[in-house]
Amino acid sequence: MNNTDSSLRYSEDGRSGTIYFKNEETSFEMWYELAMPPAIIIMGIPEPKYWERHTKIPLSRREEILGFIGEQVIKDKLSGEGYFLIDDNILSICSGKKPAD
């Protein structure tokens, strides 16, 4: 998939809000809130078992879509380097360089 047609829009409400994802295939929303370090922002993402129902995107593309979202949020909201971590239902945006595993 070419993510050049994908976009994010933000609705802010103090320390939390909504992130809207849109591309030519679908659109969906995720909540977010400011977090404690090392995370700066945590976002609620659909668990793998609910991914297709919530997003209308095949589960095989979940990592690709979440990667785009993580990278775009870093570009849009951080004023320096950042990285993201994905688990079943949370995408965490962290500032700085990703620690070595």
N, C-alpha and C. Protein backbone atom coordinates (compact mmCIF):
# COMPACT_ATOMS: atom_id res chain seq x y z
N MET A 1 0.84 -1.18 0.00
CA MET A 1 0.00 0.00 0.00
C MET A 1 0.88 1.24 0.00
N ASN A 2 0.45 2.21 -0.71
CA ASN A 2 1.14 3.50 -0.72
C ASN A 2 0.44 4.40 0.30
N ASN A 3 1.16 4.77 1.36
CA ASN A 3 0.55 5.57 2.42
C ASN A 3 0.48 7.05 2.08
N THR A 4 0.84 7.43 0.85
CA THR A 4 0.76 8.85 0.50
C THR A 4 -0.68 9.35 0.47
N ASP A 5 -1.63 8.42 0.35
CA ASP A 5 -3.04 8.83 0.36
C ASP A 5 -3.62 8.80 1.77
N SER A 6 -2.83 8.44 2.76
CA SER A 6 -3.29 8.36 4.15
C SER A 6 -3.07 9.68 4.86
N SER A 7 -3.96 9.98 5.79
CA SER A 7 -3.81 11.22 6.56
C SER A 7 -4.35 11.04 7.97
N LEU A 8 -3.88 11.91 8.85
CA LEU A 8 -4.37 11.97 10.22
C LEU A 8 -4.92 13.35 10.49
N ARG A 9 -5.94 13.39 11.32
CA ARG A 9 -6.50 14.65 11.80
C ARG A 9 -6.66 14.51 13.31
N TYR A 10 -6.46 15.59 14.02
CA TYR A 10 -6.47 15.56 15.48
C TYR A 10 -7.58 16.44 16.03
N SER A 11 -8.25 15.94 17.06
CA SER A 11 -9.21 16.72 17.82
C SER A 11 -8.70 16.71 19.26
N GLU A 12 -8.34 17.89 19.77
CA GLU A 12 -7.72 17.98 21.09
C GLU A 12 -8.70 18.51 22.13
N ASP A 13 -8.63 17.91 23.33
CA ASP A 13 -9.48 18.32 24.43
C ASP A 13 -8.64 18.29 25.70
N GLY A 14 -7.78 19.29 25.84
CA GLY A 14 -6.89 19.33 27.00
C GLY A 14 -5.80 18.29 26.89
N ARG A 15 -5.78 17.35 27.83
CA ARG A 15 -4.74 16.31 27.87
C ARG A 15 -5.13 15.05 27.10
N SER A 16 -6.20 15.10 26.35
CA SER A 16 -6.65 13.93 25.59
C SER A 16 -7.34 14.40 24.32
N GLY A 17 -7.80 13.44 23.54
CA GLY A 17 -8.51 13.79 22.32
C GLY A 17 -8.71 12.57 21.43
N THR A 18 -8.92 12.84 20.16
CA THR A 18 -9.18 11.81 19.17
C THR A 18 -8.27 12.01 17.98
N ILE A 19 -7.76 10.90 17.45
CA ILE A 19 -6.98 10.92 16.22
C ILE A 19 -7.81 10.20 15.17
N TYR A 20 -8.00 10.87 14.04
CA TYR A 20 -8.79 10.32 12.94
C TYR A 20 -7.85 9.90 11.82
N PHE A 21 -7.92 8.64 11.43
CA PHE A 21 -7.14 8.11 10.30
C PHE A 21 -8.06 8.02 9.10
N LYS A 22 -7.53 8.39 7.93
CA LYS A 22 -8.32 8.30 6.71
C LYS A 22 -7.41 7.95 5.54
N ASN A 23 -7.86 7.03 4.69
CA ASN A 23 -7.22 6.78 3.40
C ASN A 23 -8.31 6.45 2.39
N GLU A 24 -7.93 6.05 1.20
CA GLU A 24 -8.93 5.81 0.15
C GLU A 24 -9.81 4.60 0.45
N GLU A 25 -9.38 3.74 1.37
CA GLU A 25 -10.14 2.53 1.71
C GLU A 25 -11.10 2.70 2.86
N THR A 26 -10.71 3.49 3.85
CA THR A 26 -11.47 3.50 5.09
C THR A 26 -11.16 4.75 5.91
N SER A 27 -11.84 4.89 7.00
CA SER A 27 -11.51 5.88 8.02
C SER A 27 -11.93 5.31 9.37
N PHE A 28 -11.18 5.65 10.40
CA PHE A 28 -11.52 5.22 11.75
C PHE A 28 -10.87 6.18 12.73
N GLU A 29 -11.30 6.09 13.99
CA GLU A 29 -10.76 6.99 15.01
C GLU A 29 -10.21 6.21 16.18
N MET A 30 -9.27 6.87 16.91
CA MET A 30 -8.64 6.30 18.08
C MET A 30 -8.55 7.38 19.15
N TRP A 31 -8.74 7.02 20.40
CA TRP A 31 -8.56 7.99 21.48
C TRP A 31 -7.07 8.12 21.77
N TYR A 32 -6.69 9.24 22.35
CA TYR A 32 -5.32 9.40 22.83
C TYR A 32 -5.33 10.23 24.09
N GLU A 33 -4.27 10.10 24.87
CA GLU A 33 -4.08 10.96 26.03
C GLU A 33 -2.59 11.14 26.28
N LEU A 34 -2.25 12.23 26.93
CA LEU A 34 -0.86 12.47 27.31
C LEU A 34 -0.48 11.44 28.37
N ALA A 35 0.78 11.04 28.37
CA ALA A 35 1.22 9.95 29.24
C ALA A 35 2.43 10.36 30.06
N MET A 36 2.82 9.47 30.94
CA MET A 36 4.02 9.66 31.75
C MET A 36 5.22 9.11 30.99
N PRO A 37 6.40 9.73 31.14
CA PRO A 37 7.60 9.24 30.46
C PRO A 37 7.87 7.76 30.78
N PRO A 38 8.42 7.00 29.85
CA PRO A 38 9.03 7.49 28.62
C PRO A 38 8.03 7.82 27.52
N ALA A 39 6.79 7.34 27.64
CA ALA A 39 5.78 7.67 26.63
C ALA A 39 5.36 9.12 26.79
N ILE A 40 5.03 9.75 25.68
CA ILE A 40 4.51 11.12 25.71
C ILE A 40 3.00 11.07 25.44
N ILE A 41 2.64 10.19 24.53
CA ILE A 41 1.24 10.01 24.13
C ILE A 41 0.96 8.52 24.10
N ILE A 42 -0.20 8.11 24.61
CA ILE A 42 -0.67 6.75 24.39
C ILE A 42 -1.97 6.83 23.60
N MET A 43 -2.11 5.89 22.68
CA MET A 43 -3.30 5.85 21.82
C MET A 43 -3.97 4.49 21.96
N GLY A 44 -5.28 4.50 22.03
CA GLY A 44 -6.03 3.25 22.03
C GLY A 44 -6.19 2.76 20.59
N ILE A 45 -5.72 1.54 20.33
CA ILE A 45 -5.83 0.96 18.99
C ILE A 45 -6.64 -0.33 19.06
N PRO A 46 -7.30 -0.71 17.98
CA PRO A 46 -8.09 -1.94 18.00
C PRO A 46 -7.20 -3.17 18.19
N GLU A 47 -7.59 -4.03 19.11
CA GLU A 47 -6.89 -5.29 19.30
C GLU A 47 -6.95 -6.10 18.01
N PRO A 48 -5.98 -6.99 17.80
CA PRO A 48 -6.00 -7.78 16.57
C PRO A 48 -7.34 -8.47 16.29
N LYS A 49 -7.99 -9.00 17.32
CA LYS A 49 -9.26 -9.71 17.09
C LYS A 49 -10.39 -8.78 16.65
N TYR A 50 -10.26 -7.48 16.90
CA TYR A 50 -11.28 -6.51 16.49
C TYR A 50 -10.82 -5.63 15.33
N TRP A 51 -9.57 -5.76 14.91
CA TRP A 51 -8.97 -4.87 13.92
C TRP A 51 -9.82 -4.73 12.66
N GLU A 52 -10.14 -5.83 12.00
CA GLU A 52 -10.87 -5.76 10.72
C GLU A 52 -12.26 -5.18 10.89
N ARG A 53 -12.94 -5.52 11.97
CA ARG A 53 -14.28 -4.99 12.20
C ARG A 53 -14.24 -3.47 12.42
N HIS A 54 -13.24 -3.01 13.15
CA HIS A 54 -13.16 -1.58 13.49
C HIS A 54 -12.59 -0.74 12.34
N THR A 55 -11.62 -1.29 11.60
CA THR A 55 -10.92 -0.48 10.60
C THR A 55 -11.31 -0.77 9.15
N LYS A 56 -11.90 -1.95 8.91
CA LYS A 56 -12.21 -2.40 7.53
C LYS A 56 -10.94 -2.64 6.71
N ILE A 57 -9.81 -2.88 7.38
CA ILE A 57 -8.52 -3.16 6.75
C ILE A 57 -8.10 -4.57 7.18
N PRO A 58 -7.56 -5.37 6.26
CA PRO A 58 -7.14 -6.73 6.64
C PRO A 58 -6.12 -6.72 7.78
N LEU A 59 -6.23 -7.71 8.64
CA LEU A 59 -5.31 -7.84 9.77
C LEU A 59 -3.86 -7.91 9.30
N SER A 60 -3.62 -8.47 8.13
CA SER A 60 -2.26 -8.59 7.61
C SER A 60 -1.60 -7.23 7.39
N ARG A 61 -2.38 -6.16 7.35
CA ARG A 61 -1.84 -4.81 7.13
C ARG A 61 -1.81 -3.98 8.41
N ARG A 62 -2.13 -4.57 9.55
CA ARG A 62 -2.19 -3.83 10.82
C ARG A 62 -0.87 -3.14 11.14
N GLU A 63 0.24 -3.89 11.08
CA GLU A 63 1.54 -3.30 11.41
C GLU A 63 1.88 -2.15 10.48
N GLU A 64 1.59 -2.30 9.21
CA GLU A 64 1.86 -1.24 8.22
C GLU A 64 1.09 0.03 8.55
N ILE A 65 -0.19 -0.10 8.82
CA ILE A 65 -1.04 1.06 9.13
C ILE A 65 -0.60 1.70 10.44
N LEU A 66 -0.38 0.88 11.47
CA LEU A 66 0.05 1.44 12.76
C LEU A 66 1.43 2.07 12.66
N GLY A 67 2.30 1.52 11.82
CA GLY A 67 3.60 2.14 11.58
C GLY A 67 3.45 3.52 10.98
N PHE A 68 2.56 3.65 9.98
CA PHE A 68 2.30 4.97 9.39
C PHE A 68 1.79 5.93 10.46
N ILE A 69 0.82 5.48 11.26
CA ILE A 69 0.24 6.35 12.29
C ILE A 69 1.31 6.78 13.29
N GLY A 70 2.12 5.84 13.78
CA GLY A 70 3.17 6.17 14.73
C GLY A 70 4.15 7.19 14.17
N GLU A 71 4.62 6.96 12.95
CA GLU A 71 5.57 7.88 12.32
C GLU A 71 4.96 9.26 12.09
N GLN A 72 3.70 9.30 11.68
CA GLN A 72 3.05 10.58 11.40
C GLN A 72 2.81 11.37 12.69
N VAL A 73 2.40 10.70 13.76
CA VAL A 73 2.20 11.40 15.03
C VAL A 73 3.53 11.98 15.52
N ILE A 74 4.62 11.24 15.36
CA ILE A 74 5.94 11.76 15.74
C ILE A 74 6.26 13.02 14.94
N LYS A 75 6.05 12.99 13.63
CA LYS A 75 6.31 14.17 12.79
C LYS A 75 5.43 15.35 13.19
N ASP A 76 4.16 15.06 13.48
CA ASP A 76 3.20 16.13 13.75
C ASP A 76 3.30 16.71 15.16
N LYS A 77 3.65 15.87 16.14
CA LYS A 77 3.50 16.29 17.54
C LYS A 77 4.79 16.40 18.35
N LEU A 78 5.89 15.83 17.86
CA LEU A 78 7.14 15.93 18.62
C LEU A 78 8.05 16.96 17.95
N SER A 79 8.87 17.60 18.75
CA SER A 79 9.79 18.60 18.20
C SER A 79 11.21 18.04 18.14
N GLY A 80 11.33 16.77 17.94
CA GLY A 80 12.63 16.12 17.86
C GLY A 80 12.45 14.65 17.53
N GLU A 81 13.45 13.86 17.89
CA GLU A 81 13.39 12.43 17.61
C GLU A 81 12.33 11.75 18.46
N GLY A 82 11.83 10.65 17.94
CA GLY A 82 10.87 9.86 18.68
C GLY A 82 10.78 8.46 18.11
N TYR A 83 10.10 7.62 18.83
CA TYR A 83 9.85 6.26 18.39
C TYR A 83 8.50 5.83 18.95
N PHE A 84 7.99 4.72 18.46
CA PHE A 84 6.71 4.24 18.94
C PHE A 84 6.79 2.76 19.25
N LEU A 85 5.92 2.33 20.15
CA LEU A 85 5.81 0.94 20.57
C LEU A 85 4.36 0.51 20.37
N ILE A 86 4.17 -0.69 19.83
CA ILE A 86 2.82 -1.19 19.56
C ILE A 86 2.60 -2.46 20.39
N ASP A 87 1.48 -2.51 21.10
CA ASP A 87 1.08 -3.78 21.70
C ASP A 87 -0.35 -4.08 21.23
N ASP A 88 -1.04 -4.97 21.91
CA ASP A 88 -2.36 -5.37 21.41
C ASP A 88 -3.37 -4.23 21.32
N ASN A 89 -3.38 -3.33 22.31
CA ASN A 89 -4.40 -2.28 22.29
C ASN A 89 -3.89 -0.87 22.58
N ILE A 90 -2.58 -0.69 22.66
CA ILE A 90 -2.00 0.63 22.91
C ILE A 90 -0.83 0.88 21.95
N LEU A 91 -0.79 2.06 21.37
CA LEU A 91 0.36 2.53 20.61
C LEU A 91 0.94 3.67 21.44
N SER A 92 2.18 3.52 21.87
CA SER A 92 2.84 4.52 22.71
C SER A 92 3.82 5.32 21.87
N ILE A 93 3.75 6.64 21.96
CA ILE A 93 4.69 7.53 21.29
C ILE A 93 5.66 8.03 22.34
N CYS A 94 6.96 7.83 22.10
CA CYS A 94 8.00 8.20 23.06
C CYS A 94 8.96 9.18 22.41
N SER A 95 9.54 10.06 23.21
CA SER A 95 10.52 10.99 22.66
C SER A 95 11.92 10.42 22.82
N GLY A 96 12.83 10.92 21.99
CA GLY A 96 14.22 10.49 22.03
C GLY A 96 14.49 9.31 21.12
N LYS A 97 15.67 8.72 21.31
CA LYS A 97 16.06 7.55 20.51
C LYS A 97 15.53 6.28 21.17
N LYS A 98 15.13 5.33 20.35
CA LYS A 98 14.65 4.06 20.88
C LYS A 98 15.79 3.32 21.55
N PRO A 99 15.57 2.87 22.80
CA PRO A 99 16.62 2.11 23.49
C PRO A 99 16.91 0.81 22.76
N ALA A 100 18.13 0.35 22.84
CA ALA A 100 18.50 -0.94 22.24
C ALA A 100 17.75 -2.05 22.96
N ASP A 101 17.32 -3.04 22.20
CA ASP A 101 16.57 -4.16 22.79
C ASP A 101 17.45 -5.09 23.58
